[in-house]
Amino acid sequence: MRGWLLAAALLVCAADAGAAKEKPDSYDPGIVQGDWIKRSDILFVGDSESLGYFGAQLYRSLSREPDPKTGRPLTVWSFWTCGSDAGSWLNGGVSYCGIRTCNGAGDCARDHGPLDEPGRVHYAPLARYVAQVKPRVTLISLGSNMLTQKPRAFRNAYDAYLDTAARLARAVQTAGSQCIWIGPPQAALTTKPLADYERFTADLGRALRAAGCGYVDSNPLSDRKYVLARDPEGIHYQGAGERDWETRVWVQLRPLLLSKLAR
C-alpha cells in the first residue's frame, strides 16, 4: 500500500463514525459476479503488498509466461485487497482501504481507493472465486498482516493462523485448483523481532506443504532495509525493494508453477 493509500485510509477511519449514518455499507457486485470474472489459468490473490509494484510486476511475469501445455501466454485473474489475510479469504471479508482486480484479459481497471464509491467493498470466500474462475493454479500472497499483530495477540493467534492458512489451502484444492502460497517478506524489526519472523515463515511453510500447497519462502528473497521509513505498520516496501523481491520470487516461483501447470 502506498503512502497516499495509508494516509487516505487514516482519514476514512477518522471520518467513518460520522459518515456511517449517511453512507450505507455496500459493495460492487461486478467483483463478485458478472462478466468481469473470467475463466483463467491462474487466480492470484493477495494483500496490500500486492497493490504496489510487487503484485503488478508478478501479474505481468505470469501473463507473459507461455503455457507449458499450449504455448499460449497464461491468463491470470487477480484480486488484491489491503488488510486481507487467511481468515478473510477463507470466509469472505470487507476492504475499507483499497483493492485492485485484473480480469484475465489484460484489463486491470477495477480499482477502488478509500475515497471511491463504494467506500466498502465486500469480497467473497476464495473458494467462490476458484469455482468461478476455474484456475489450474491459485496463487496466494498473504501473511504480512499477521506480522503486524502486537506481541501478545501474535502469540495468541499463532496456532489458529497456521490452521486457518492450511484450511484455506485445502479449500482451494477442494474447489478444484492447485495451490501455491508466497510467504510474507521481511518486516521491520520494530514490527517483528527476527526470531519471531523466521519462526512464523518457517512454520507457515510447513503447515501449507502438509496441506498440499506449494510454498515460496520470502525470507531469503526480501530485505527489510527496503521497508518504508514512515510506514506505521513496518511491512510496506519502497519500489526498489518491491522490484527486487518480485524478481527473486519469480526465480523460485516459475519452476514450481510450471510443474503444476504441466500436470
C-alpha atoms as a PDB file:
ATOM      1  CA  MET A   1       0.000   0.000   0.000  1.00  0.00           C
ATOM      2  CA  ARG A   2       1.436   3.333  -0.994  1.00  0.00           C
ATOM      3  CA  GLY A   3       1.839   6.296   1.340  1.00  0.00           C
ATOM      4  CA  TRP A   4      -1.187   8.086  -0.111  1.00  0.00           C
ATOM      5  CA  LEU A   5      -3.289   4.976   0.477  1.00  0.00           C
ATOM      6  CA  LEU A   6      -2.237   4.750   4.103  1.00  0.00           C
ATOM      7  CA  ALA A   7      -2.905   8.432   4.658  1.00  0.00           C
ATOM      8  CA  ALA A   8      -6.288   8.244   2.987  1.00  0.00           C
ATOM      9  CA  ALA A   9      -7.203   5.171   4.978  1.00  0.00           C
ATOM     10  CA  LEU A  10      -6.470   7.021   8.211  1.00  0.00           C
ATOM     11  CA  LEU A  11      -8.702   9.877   7.088  1.00  0.00           C
ATOM     12  CA  VAL A  12     -11.510   7.457   6.289  1.00  0.00           C
ATOM     13  CA  CYS A  13     -11.210   5.771   9.681  1.00  0.00           C
ATOM     14  CA  ALA A  14     -11.358   9.133  11.418  1.00  0.00           C
ATOM     15  CA  ALA A  15     -14.426  10.156   9.450  1.00  0.00           C
ATOM     16  CA  ASP A  16     -16.141   6.786   9.484  1.00  0.00           C
ATOM     17  CA  ALA A  17     -18.152   7.298  12.665  1.00  0.00           C
ATOM     18  CA  GLY A  18     -19.753  10.466  11.354  1.00  0.00           C
ATOM     19  CA  ALA A  19     -20.292   9.116   7.859  1.00  0.00           C
ATOM     20  CA  ALA A  20     -21.793   5.784   8.864  1.00  0.00           C
ATOM     21  CA  LYS A  21     -25.362   7.094   9.012  1.00  0.00           C
ATOM     22  CA  GLU A  22     -25.077   8.834   5.644  1.00  0.00           C
ATOM     23  CA  LYS A  23     -23.249   6.126   3.718  1.00  0.00           C
ATOM     24  CA  PRO A  24     -24.715   2.606   3.921  1.00  0.00           C
ATOM     25  CA  ASP A  25     -22.498  -0.420   3.698  1.00  0.00           C
ATOM     26  CA  SER A  26     -22.408  -1.539   0.062  1.00  0.00           C
ATOM     27  CA  TYR A  27     -20.347  -3.453  -2.437  1.00  0.00           C
ATOM     28  CA  ASP A  28     -19.560  -3.634  -6.134  1.00  0.00           C
ATOM     29  CA  PRO A  29     -21.447  -6.679  -7.457  1.00  0.00           C
ATOM     30  CA  GLY A  30     -19.222  -6.785 -10.541  1.00  0.00           C
ATOM     31  CA  ILE A  31     -16.367  -8.021  -8.349  1.00  0.00           C
ATOM     32  CA  VAL A  32     -18.418 -10.979  -7.157  1.00  0.00           C
ATOM     33  CA  GLN A  33     -20.386 -11.772 -10.306  1.00  0.00           C
ATOM     34  CA  GLY A  34     -20.907 -10.746 -13.901  1.00  0.00           C
ATOM     35  CA  ASP A  35     -18.655 -10.691 -16.937  1.00  0.00           C
ATOM     36  CA  TRP A  36     -15.718  -9.237 -15.018  1.00  0.00           C
ATOM     37  CA  ILE A  37     -14.969 -12.729 -13.684  1.00  0.00           C
ATOM     38  CA  LYS A  38     -13.416 -14.748 -16.487  1.00  0.00           C
ATOM     39  CA  ARG A  39     -12.003 -18.238 -16.658  1.00  0.00           C
ATOM     40  CA  SER A  40      -8.225 -18.050 -16.321  1.00  0.00           C
ATOM     41  CA  ASP A  41      -5.254 -20.335 -15.935  1.00  0.00           C
ATOM     42  CA  ILE A  42      -4.177 -18.651 -12.697  1.00  0.00           C
ATOM     43  CA  LEU A  43      -6.064 -16.950  -9.868  1.00  0.00           C
ATOM     44  CA  PHE A  44      -3.831 -14.578  -7.887  1.00  0.00           C
ATOM     45  CA  VAL A  45      -4.981 -13.052  -4.573  1.00  0.00           C
ATOM     46  CA  GLY A  46      -3.059 -11.005  -2.051  1.00  0.00           C
ATOM     47  CA  ASP A  47      -2.951  -8.212   0.497  1.00  0.00           C
ATOM     48  CA  SER A  48      -1.588  -4.655   0.281  1.00  0.00           C
ATOM     49  CA  GLU A  49       1.879  -5.980  -0.588  1.00  0.00           C
ATOM     50  CA  SER A  50       0.369  -6.834  -3.974  1.00  0.00           C
ATOM     51  CA  LEU A  51      -1.185  -3.399  -4.537  1.00  0.00           C
ATOM     52  CA  GLY A  52       2.198  -1.912  -5.451  1.00  0.00           C
ATOM     53  CA  TYR A  53       4.971  -2.909  -7.820  1.00  0.00           C
ATOM     54  CA  PHE A  54       5.274  -6.454  -6.454  1.00  0.00           C
ATOM     55  CA  GLY A  55       1.769  -7.515  -7.466  1.00  0.00           C
ATOM     56  CA  ALA A  56       1.723  -5.574 -10.730  1.00  0.00           C
ATOM     57  CA  GLN A  57       5.063  -6.950 -11.888  1.00  0.00           C
ATOM     58  CA  LEU A  58       4.291 -10.502 -10.792  1.00  0.00           C
ATOM     59  CA  TYR A  59       0.990 -10.266 -12.696  1.00  0.00           C
ATOM     60  CA  ARG A  60       2.967  -9.259 -15.798  1.00  0.00           C
ATOM     61  CA  SER A  61       5.523 -12.030 -15.288  1.00  0.00           C
ATOM     62  CA  LEU A  62       2.721 -14.573 -15.010  1.00  0.00           C
ATOM     63  CA  SER A  63       0.834 -13.183 -18.010  1.00  0.00           C
ATOM     64  CA  ARG A  64       3.910 -13.342 -20.247  1.00  0.00           C
ATOM     65  CA  GLU A  65       4.778 -16.919 -19.370  1.00  0.00           C
ATOM     66  CA  PRO A  66       3.910 -19.494 -22.074  1.00  0.00           C
ATOM     67  CA  ASP A  67       1.553 -22.254 -21.008  1.00  0.00           C
ATOM     68  CA  PRO A  68       3.657 -25.436 -20.852  1.00  0.00           C
ATOM     69  CA  LYS A  69       0.806 -27.345 -22.498  1.00  0.00           C
ATOM     70  CA  THR A  70      -0.317 -24.979 -25.277  1.00  0.00           C
ATOM     71  CA  GLY A  71       2.483 -22.421 -25.672  1.00  0.00           C
ATOM     72  CA  ARG A  72      -0.026 -19.566 -25.370  1.00  0.00           C
ATOM     73  CA  PRO A  73       0.526 -16.850 -22.731  1.00  0.00           C
ATOM     74  CA  LEU A  74      -1.046 -17.735 -19.412  1.00  0.00           C
ATOM     75  CA  THR A  75      -4.225 -15.907 -18.400  1.00  0.00           C
ATOM     76  CA  VAL A  76      -4.389 -14.505 -14.866  1.00  0.00           C
ATOM     77  CA  TRP A  77      -7.371 -13.248 -12.840  1.00  0.00           C
ATOM     78  CA  SER A  78      -6.334 -11.358  -9.725  1.00  0.00           C
ATOM     79  CA  PHE A  79      -7.873  -9.707  -6.686  1.00  0.00           C
ATOM     80  CA  TRP A  80      -5.667  -7.860  -4.195  1.00  0.00           C
ATOM     81  CA  THR A  81      -7.086  -6.063  -1.176  1.00  0.00           C
ATOM     82  CA  CYS A  82      -5.336  -4.329   1.682  1.00  0.00           C
ATOM     83  CA  GLY A  83      -5.867  -5.686   5.167  1.00  0.00           C
ATOM     84  CA  SER A  84      -6.764  -9.166   3.935  1.00  0.00           C
ATOM     85  CA  ASP A  85      -5.315 -12.390   5.272  1.00  0.00           C
ATOM     86  CA  ALA A  86      -6.035 -16.097   5.624  1.00  0.00           C
ATOM     87  CA  GLY A  87      -9.232 -15.713   7.665  1.00  0.00           C
ATOM     88  CA  SER A  88     -10.876 -13.116   5.452  1.00  0.00           C
ATOM     89  CA  TRP A  89     -10.089 -15.084   2.294  1.00  0.00           C
ATOM     90  CA  LEU A  90     -11.394 -18.264   3.892  1.00  0.00           C
ATOM     91  CA  ASN A  91     -14.719 -16.728   4.939  1.00  0.00           C
ATOM     92  CA  GLY A  92     -15.056 -13.569   2.844  1.00  0.00           C
ATOM     93  CA  GLY A  93     -14.346 -10.068   4.060  1.00  0.00           C
ATOM     94  CA  VAL A  94     -14.634  -6.312   3.584  1.00  0.00           C
ATOM     95  CA  SER A  95     -11.958  -3.982   2.247  1.00  0.00           C
ATOM     96  CA  TYR A  96     -12.020  -0.440   3.580  1.00  0.00           C
ATOM     97  CA  CYS A  97      -8.798   0.924   2.153  1.00  0.00           C
ATOM     98  CA  GLY A  98      -8.217  -0.215  -1.415  1.00  0.00           C
ATOM     99  CA  ILE A  99      -8.476  -3.052  -3.920  1.00  0.00           C
ATOM    100  CA  ARG A 100      -7.251  -3.871  -7.407  1.00  0.00           C
ATOM    101  CA  THR A 101      -8.582  -6.590  -9.684  1.00  0.00           C
ATOM    102  CA  CYS A 102      -7.383  -7.767 -13.098  1.00  0.00           C
ATOM    103  CA  ASN A 103      -9.755  -9.871 -15.139  1.00  0.00           C
ATOM    104  CA  GLY A 104      -7.606 -12.325 -17.080  1.00  0.00           C
ATOM    105  CA  ALA A 105      -7.964 -10.365 -20.314  1.00  0.00           C
ATOM    106  CA  GLY A 106      -5.231  -7.854 -19.503  1.00  0.00           C
ATOM    107  CA  ASP A 107      -7.705  -5.356 -18.040  1.00  0.00           C
ATOM    108  CA  CYS A 108      -6.887  -4.029 -14.554  1.00  0.00           C
ATOM    109  CA  ALA A 109      -9.401  -1.194 -14.358  1.00  0.00           C
ATOM    110  CA  ARG A 110     -11.372  -2.232 -11.270  1.00  0.00           C
ATOM    111  CA  ASP A 111      -9.513  -0.128  -8.709  1.00  0.00           C
ATOM    112  CA  HIS A 112     -11.151   1.233  -5.582  1.00  0.00           C
ATOM    113  CA  GLY A 113      -9.461   3.508  -3.081  1.00  0.00           C
ATOM    114  CA  PRO A 114     -10.878   4.512   0.302  1.00  0.00           C
ATOM    115  CA  LEU A 115     -12.447   7.697  -1.082  1.00  0.00           C
ATOM    116  CA  ASP A 116     -14.123   5.974  -4.041  1.00  0.00           C
ATOM    117  CA  GLU A 117     -17.663   4.631  -4.240  1.00  0.00           C
ATOM    118  CA  PRO A 118     -18.421   2.218  -2.754  1.00  0.00           C
ATOM    119  CA  GLY A 119     -16.419   3.073   0.340  1.00  0.00           C
ATOM    120  CA  ARG A 120     -16.582  -0.529   1.474  1.00  0.00           C
ATOM    121  CA  VAL A 121     -16.015  -3.418  -0.910  1.00  0.00           C
ATOM    122  CA  HIS A 122     -17.226  -6.868   0.075  1.00  0.00           C
ATOM    123  CA  TYR A 123     -15.324  -9.839  -1.300  1.00  0.00           C
ATOM    124  CA  ALA A 124     -16.309 -13.480  -1.297  1.00  0.00           C
ATOM    125  CA  PRO A 125     -14.506 -16.509   0.147  1.00  0.00           C
ATOM    126  CA  LEU A 126     -11.631 -17.511  -2.096  1.00  0.00           C
ATOM    127  CA  ALA A 127     -13.266 -20.853  -2.866  1.00  0.00           C
ATOM    128  CA  ARG A 128     -16.093 -18.997  -4.629  1.00  0.00           C
ATOM    129  CA  TYR A 129     -13.662 -17.226  -6.946  1.00  0.00           C
ATOM    130  CA  VAL A 130     -11.928 -20.541  -7.608  1.00  0.00           C
ATOM    131  CA  ALA A 131     -15.288 -22.021  -8.614  1.00  0.00           C
ATOM    132  CA  GLN A 132     -15.965 -19.120 -10.990  1.00  0.00           C
ATOM    133  CA  VAL A 133     -12.500 -18.543 -12.448  1.00  0.00           C
ATOM    134  CA  LYS A 134     -11.707 -22.290 -12.595  1.00  0.00           C
ATOM    135  CA  PRO A 135      -7.931 -21.761 -12.397  1.00  0.00           C
ATOM    136  CA  ARG A 136      -5.469 -24.579 -12.751  1.00  0.00           C
ATOM    137  CA  VAL A 137      -3.315 -22.919 -10.066  1.00  0.00           C
ATOM    138  CA  THR A 138      -4.316 -20.458  -7.342  1.00  0.00           C
ATOM    139  CA  LEU A 139      -1.512 -18.180  -6.166  1.00  0.00           C
ATOM    140  CA  ILE A 140      -1.872 -16.734  -2.652  1.00  0.00           C
ATOM    141  CA  SER A 141       0.388 -13.979  -1.278  1.00  0.00           C
ATOM    142  CA  LEU A 142      -0.530 -13.391   2.368  1.00  0.00           C
ATOM    143  CA  GLY A 143       0.853 -13.243   5.898  1.00  0.00           C
ATOM    144  CA  SER A 144       2.111  -9.689   6.355  1.00  0.00           C
ATOM    145  CA  ASN A 145      -0.967  -8.575   8.272  1.00  0.00           C
ATOM    146  CA  MET A 146      -0.408 -11.339  10.819  1.00  0.00           C
ATOM    147  CA  LEU A 147       3.057  -9.882  11.406  1.00  0.00           C
ATOM    148  CA  THR A 148       1.548  -6.520  12.387  1.00  0.00           C
ATOM    149  CA  GLN A 149      -0.151  -8.074  15.428  1.00  0.00           C
ATOM    150  CA  LYS A 150       1.130  -6.905  18.817  1.00  0.00           C
ATOM    151  CA  PRO A 151       3.265  -9.477  20.691  1.00  0.00           C
ATOM    152  CA  ARG A 152       0.515 -10.938  22.884  1.00  0.00           C
ATOM    153  CA  ALA A 153      -2.066 -11.025  20.087  1.00  0.00           C
ATOM    154  CA  PHE A 154       0.519 -12.568  17.760  1.00  0.00           C
ATOM    155  CA  ARG A 155       1.269 -15.362  20.241  1.00  0.00           C
ATOM    156  CA  ASN A 156      -2.412 -15.989  20.963  1.00  0.00           C
ATOM    157  CA  ALA A 157      -3.355 -16.122  17.274  1.00  0.00           C
ATOM    158  CA  TYR A 158      -0.300 -18.072  16.111  1.00  0.00           C
ATOM    159  CA  ASP A 159      -1.587 -21.651  16.068  1.00  0.00           C
ATOM    160  CA  ALA A 160      -5.030 -20.593  14.865  1.00  0.00           C
ATOM    161  CA  TYR A 161      -3.471 -18.659  11.976  1.00  0.00           C
ATOM    162  CA  LEU A 162      -1.491 -21.676  10.807  1.00  0.00           C
ATOM    163  CA  ASP A 163      -4.634 -23.792  10.991  1.00  0.00           C
ATOM    164  CA  THR A 164      -6.645 -21.197   9.061  1.00  0.00           C
ATOM    165  CA  ALA A 165      -3.960 -20.925   6.368  1.00  0.00           C
ATOM    166  CA  ALA A 166      -3.980 -24.712   5.962  1.00  0.00           C
ATOM    167  CA  ARG A 167      -7.789 -24.710   5.785  1.00  0.00           C
ATOM    168  CA  LEU A 168      -7.669 -22.018   3.089  1.00  0.00           C
ATOM    169  CA  ALA A 169      -5.179 -24.072   1.083  1.00  0.00           C
ATOM    170  CA  ARG A 170      -7.372 -27.156   1.376  1.00  0.00           C
ATOM    171  CA  ALA A 171     -10.479 -25.143   0.394  1.00  0.00           C
ATOM    172  CA  VAL A 172      -8.736 -24.027  -2.790  1.00  0.00           C
ATOM    173  CA  GLN A 173      -7.861 -27.606  -3.664  1.00  0.00           C
ATOM    174  CA  THR A 174     -11.325 -28.902  -2.802  1.00  0.00           C
ATOM    175  CA  ALA A 175     -12.725 -26.282  -5.194  1.00  0.00           C
ATOM    176  CA  GLY A 176     -10.615 -27.799  -7.967  1.00  0.00           C
ATOM    177  CA  SER A 177      -7.374 -25.815  -8.139  1.00  0.00           C
ATOM    178  CA  GLN A 178      -3.763 -26.477  -7.246  1.00  0.00           C
ATOM    179  CA  CYS A 179      -2.244 -24.083  -4.714  1.00  0.00           C
ATOM    180  CA  ILE A 180       0.952 -22.046  -4.249  1.00  0.00           C
ATOM    181  CA  TRP A 181       1.463 -19.619  -1.355  1.00  0.00           C
ATOM    182  CA  ILE A 182       4.042 -16.804  -1.307  1.00  0.00           C
ATOM    183  CA  GLY A 183       5.080 -16.080   2.267  1.00  0.00           C
ATOM    184  CA  PRO A 184       5.385 -12.524   3.608  1.00  0.00           C
ATOM    185  CA  PRO A 185       8.577 -10.525   3.032  1.00  0.00           C
ATOM    186  CA  GLN A 186      10.822  -9.491   5.893  1.00  0.00           C
ATOM    187  CA  ALA A 187       9.169  -6.962   8.191  1.00  0.00           C
ATOM    188  CA  ALA A 188      10.874  -4.166  10.096  1.00  0.00           C
ATOM    189  CA  LEU A 189      12.478  -5.409  13.298  1.00  0.00           C
ATOM    190  CA  THR A 190      10.320  -2.929  15.212  1.00  0.00           C
ATOM    191  CA  THR A 191       7.291  -4.766  13.808  1.00  0.00           C
ATOM    192  CA  LYS A 192       8.526  -8.314  14.430  1.00  0.00           C
ATOM    193  CA  PRO A 193      11.779  -9.481  16.038  1.00  0.00           C
ATOM    194  CA  LEU A 194      13.936 -11.575  13.732  1.00  0.00           C
ATOM    195  CA  ALA A 195      13.332 -14.830  15.620  1.00  0.00           C
ATOM    196  CA  ASP A 196       9.540 -14.376  15.534  1.00  0.00           C
ATOM    197  CA  TYR A 197       9.507 -13.591  11.814  1.00  0.00           C
ATOM    198  CA  GLU A 198      11.744 -16.516  10.881  1.00  0.00           C
ATOM    199  CA  ARG A 199       9.797 -18.954  13.050  1.00  0.00           C
ATOM    200  CA  PHE A 200       6.489 -17.769  11.578  1.00  0.00           C
ATOM    201  CA  THR A 201       7.535 -18.036   7.930  1.00  0.00           C
ATOM    202  CA  ALA A 202       9.077 -21.486   8.501  1.00  0.00           C
ATOM    203  CA  ASP A 203       6.028 -22.792  10.398  1.00  0.00           C
ATOM    204  CA  LEU A 204       3.713 -21.324   7.771  1.00  0.00           C
ATOM    205  CA  GLY A 205       5.598 -23.178   5.065  1.00  0.00           C
ATOM    206  CA  ARG A 206       5.386 -26.468   6.947  1.00  0.00           C
ATOM    207  CA  ALA A 207       1.652 -26.078   7.571  1.00  0.00           C
ATOM    208  CA  LEU A 208       0.926 -25.265   3.931  1.00  0.00           C
ATOM    209  CA  ARG A 209       3.052 -28.045   2.492  1.00  0.00           C
ATOM    210  CA  ALA A 210       1.334 -30.503   4.827  1.00  0.00           C
ATOM    211  CA  ALA A 211      -1.975 -29.232   3.399  1.00  0.00           C
ATOM    212  CA  GLY A 212      -0.782 -29.928  -0.139  1.00  0.00           C
ATOM    213  CA  CYS A 213       0.051 -26.339  -1.107  1.00  0.00           C
ATOM    214  CA  GLY A 214       3.342 -25.266  -2.630  1.00  0.00           C
ATOM    215  CA  TYR A 215       5.237 -22.593  -0.687  1.00  0.00           C
ATOM    216  CA  VAL A 216       7.687 -19.868  -1.663  1.00  0.00           C
ATOM    217  CA  ASP A 217       9.569 -18.594   1.400  1.00  0.00           C
ATOM    218  CA  SER A 218      10.140 -14.845   1.041  1.00  0.00           C
ATOM    219  CA  ASN A 219      12.585 -14.673   3.944  1.00  0.00           C
ATOM    220  CA  PRO A 220      15.716 -15.204   1.794  1.00  0.00           C
ATOM    221  CA  LEU A 221      14.131 -13.340  -1.130  1.00  0.00           C
ATOM    222  CA  SER A 222      13.405  -9.978   0.538  1.00  0.00           C
ATOM    223  CA  ASP A 223      15.290  -7.367   2.551  1.00  0.00           C
ATOM    224  CA  ARG A 224      13.836  -5.344   5.416  1.00  0.00           C
ATOM    225  CA  LYS A 225      16.154  -2.440   4.628  1.00  0.00           C
ATOM    226  CA  TYR A 226      13.592  -1.501   1.956  1.00  0.00           C
ATOM    227  CA  VAL A 227      10.695  -1.046   4.403  1.00  0.00           C
ATOM    228  CA  LEU A 228       9.357   2.487   4.034  1.00  0.00           C
ATOM    229  CA  ALA A 229      10.768   4.643   6.820  1.00  0.00           C
ATOM    230  CA  ARG A 230       7.391   6.212   7.647  1.00  0.00           C
ATOM    231  CA  ASP A 231       5.275   3.094   7.268  1.00  0.00           C
ATOM    232  CA  PRO A 232       3.482   2.765  10.640  1.00  0.00           C
ATOM    233  CA  GLU A 233       2.984  -0.989  10.121  1.00  0.00           C
ATOM    234  CA  GLY A 234       6.588  -1.681   9.171  1.00  0.00           C
ATOM    235  CA  ILE A 235       5.729  -4.066   6.323  1.00  0.00           C
ATOM    236  CA  HIS A 236       5.416  -1.990   3.124  1.00  0.00           C
ATOM    237  CA  TYR A 237       8.430  -1.678   0.841  1.00  0.00           C
ATOM    238  CA  GLN A 238       9.962   1.040  -1.292  1.00  0.00           C
ATOM    239  CA  GLY A 239       9.652   0.494  -5.032  1.00  0.00           C
ATOM    240  CA  ALA A 240      13.236  -0.751  -5.321  1.00  0.00           C
ATOM    241  CA  GLY A 241      12.585  -3.329  -2.620  1.00  0.00           C
ATOM    242  CA  GLU A 242       9.368  -4.497  -4.277  1.00  0.00           C
ATOM    243  CA  ARG A 243      11.165  -4.887  -7.599  1.00  0.00           C
ATOM    244  CA  ASP A 244      13.968  -6.880  -6.012  1.00  0.00           C
ATOM    245  CA  TRP A 245      11.541  -9.086  -4.076  1.00  0.00           C
ATOM    246  CA  GLU A 246       9.431  -9.826  -7.154  1.00  0.00           C
ATOM    247  CA  THR A 247      12.499 -10.676  -9.248  1.00  0.00           C
ATOM    248  CA  ARG A 248      13.740 -13.142  -6.650  1.00  0.00           C
ATOM    249  CA  VAL A 249      10.302 -14.624  -6.033  1.00  0.00           C
ATOM    250  CA  TRP A 250       9.779 -15.223  -9.750  1.00  0.00           C
ATOM    251  CA  VAL A 251      13.002 -17.239  -9.964  1.00  0.00           C
ATOM    252  CA  GLN A 252      11.671 -19.569  -7.243  1.00  0.00           C
ATOM    253  CA  LEU A 253       8.022 -19.483  -8.279  1.00  0.00           C
ATOM    254  CA  ARG A 254       8.358 -20.101 -12.010  1.00  0.00           C
ATOM    255  CA  PRO A 255       9.598 -23.739 -11.954  1.00  0.00           C
ATOM    256  CA  LEU A 256       7.121 -24.635  -9.208  1.00  0.00           C
ATOM    257  CA  LEU A 257       4.276 -23.071 -11.164  1.00  0.00           C
ATOM    258  CA  LEU A 258       5.243 -24.704 -14.462  1.00  0.00           C
ATOM    259  CA  SER A 259       5.484 -28.117 -12.851  1.00  0.00           C
ATOM    260  CA  LYS A 260       1.919 -27.767 -11.562  1.00  0.00           C
ATOM    261  CA  LEU A 261       0.579 -26.400 -14.848  1.00  0.00           C
ATOM    262  CA  ALA A 262       2.137 -29.295 -16.756  1.00  0.00           C
ATOM    263  CA  ARG A 263       0.116 -31.887 -14.786  1.00  0.00           C
END
